[in-house]
Protein backbone atom coordinates (compact mmCIF):
# COMPACT_ATOMS: atom_id res chain seq x y z
CA MET A 1 208.07 34.88 -40.59
CA ALA A 2 204.71 32.89 -39.51
CA LEU A 3 201.97 34.38 -37.95
CA ALA A 4 200.18 32.18 -35.26
CA PRO A 5 196.19 32.07 -34.56
CA GLY A 6 195.38 35.03 -32.33
CA THR A 7 197.81 37.13 -33.78
CA LYS A 8 196.05 40.53 -34.38
CA LEU A 9 197.26 43.10 -37.37
CA GLY A 10 194.88 46.19 -37.42
CA ALA A 11 191.33 44.73 -37.12
CA TYR A 12 192.03 40.86 -38.88
CA GLU A 13 192.88 38.10 -36.40
CA ILE A 14 194.65 35.34 -38.02
CA GLN A 15 192.92 32.38 -37.75
CA SER A 16 194.87 30.14 -39.90
CA PRO A 17 197.56 29.60 -42.38
CA LEU A 18 196.54 29.12 -46.13
CA GLY A 19 199.37 29.28 -47.95
CA ALA A 20 202.85 30.24 -49.29
CA GLY A 21 205.21 31.89 -51.81
CA GLY A 22 207.62 33.82 -53.21
CA MET A 23 206.08 37.10 -52.73
CA GLY A 24 204.69 36.48 -49.00
CA GLU A 25 202.53 34.07 -47.05
CA VAL A 26 198.26 33.89 -46.88
CA TYR A 27 196.45 33.02 -43.79
CA ARG A 28 192.59 33.32 -43.08
CA ALA A 29 191.50 36.03 -40.99
CA SER A 30 188.56 37.63 -39.39
CA ASP A 31 187.66 40.94 -40.49
CA THR A 32 186.89 41.75 -36.53
CA LYS A 33 184.69 45.16 -37.56
CA LEU A 34 182.77 44.01 -40.59
CA GLY A 35 182.60 40.48 -39.03
CA ARG A 36 183.84 38.18 -42.17
CA ASP A 37 186.35 35.86 -43.19
CA VAL A 38 189.45 37.57 -45.23
CA ALA A 39 192.33 36.37 -46.37
CA LEU A 40 195.77 38.40 -45.46
CA LYS A 41 198.84 38.28 -47.80
CA VAL A 42 201.61 39.31 -45.36
CA LEU A 43 205.02 40.64 -47.39
CA PRO A 44 207.94 38.69 -45.53
CA ALA A 45 209.96 41.31 -42.88
CA GLU A 46 213.45 41.30 -45.15
CA MET A 47 210.78 42.30 -48.22
CA ALA A 48 209.30 45.14 -46.34
CA HIS A 49 212.96 46.40 -45.66
CA ASP A 50 213.46 46.43 -49.59
CA PRO A 51 212.15 50.19 -50.85
CA GLU A 52 211.74 48.35 -54.05
CA ARG A 53 210.52 45.04 -53.15
CA LEU A 54 207.78 46.99 -51.23
CA THR A 55 206.86 49.15 -54.20
CA ARG A 56 206.58 46.28 -56.34
CA PHE A 57 203.65 44.96 -53.11
CA ARG A 58 201.88 47.80 -53.53
CA ARG A 59 201.59 48.00 -57.15
CA GLU A 60 200.07 44.29 -57.53
CA ALA A 61 197.59 45.71 -55.19
CA LYS A 62 197.08 48.36 -57.10
CA ALA A 63 197.06 46.46 -60.45
CA LEU A 64 194.73 43.98 -59.33
CA ALA A 65 192.60 46.47 -57.46
CA GLN A 66 191.68 47.79 -61.33
CA LEU A 67 190.71 44.16 -62.45
CA ASP A 68 187.38 43.01 -61.94
CA HIS A 69 186.96 39.55 -63.43
CA PRO A 70 184.86 36.23 -61.88
CA ASN A 71 188.71 34.40 -61.46
CA ILE A 72 190.37 37.14 -59.87
CA VAL A 73 190.23 38.00 -55.83
CA THR A 74 189.25 41.35 -55.00
CA ILE A 75 191.47 43.18 -53.14
CA TYR A 76 189.75 45.38 -49.98
CA SER A 77 192.63 47.40 -48.96
CA VAL A 78 196.30 47.63 -48.61
CA GLU A 79 197.26 47.69 -44.83
CA GLU A 80 200.59 48.01 -42.75
CA SER A 81 200.27 47.05 -38.80
CA ASP A 82 203.12 47.29 -36.33
CA GLY A 83 206.01 47.30 -39.31
CA ILE A 84 203.44 44.58 -41.10
CA HIS A 85 202.78 45.23 -44.77
CA PHE A 86 199.66 43.09 -46.16
CA LEU A 87 196.70 42.55 -48.64
CA THR A 88 193.56 42.21 -47.36
CA ILE A 89 191.86 40.17 -50.11
CA GLU A 90 188.33 38.08 -50.23
CA ARG A 91 188.09 34.34 -49.44
CA THR A 92 187.05 32.81 -52.36
CA SER A 93 185.54 29.28 -52.59
CA LEU A 94 188.34 27.48 -54.08
CA ILE A 95 190.13 29.27 -50.90
CA LYS A 96 187.71 27.97 -48.39
CA GLU A 97 187.27 25.08 -49.77
CA CYS A 98 190.30 23.78 -51.30
CA GLY A 99 193.29 25.26 -49.08
CA TRP A 100 195.99 24.98 -51.65
CA LYS A 101 199.12 26.10 -50.82
CA ASP A 102 201.78 26.55 -53.43
CA GLY A 103 205.14 25.10 -52.78
CA GLY A 104 206.83 28.45 -52.93
CA ARG A 105 208.66 29.51 -56.22
CA GLY A 106 207.32 27.74 -58.51
CA GLY A 107 207.03 24.15 -56.73
CA PRO A 108 204.13 22.08 -57.18
CA LEU A 109 200.76 22.61 -55.37
CA ARG A 110 199.89 20.56 -52.21
CA GLN A 111 196.86 20.90 -50.20
CA SER A 112 197.29 22.49 -46.79
CA LYS A 113 196.29 20.00 -43.68
CA ASP A 114 193.92 23.00 -42.01
């Protein structure tokens, strides 16, 4: 499920894709309430309908929210909008400057064309 630029998920507006992997797709987005750039990690629809995977997604968010380290992104929130489940996370300098995309499922990294 690719989200097009301009798509709105609650208070967030998709700007561009950043990457994809086994547990979802990551997008650059604008937080329209707070006026800041964020990254959204979106759980694929087929996984959102699987209670076990949805639980795993939420557990990942809770685990990351407990950590405070400069090499780990900060989780702002766990959200759901129109049946789409996603995490709002900080856009780190690595995400901003490099735009790396994971080839998915352990594949090689490649730089995005954004």
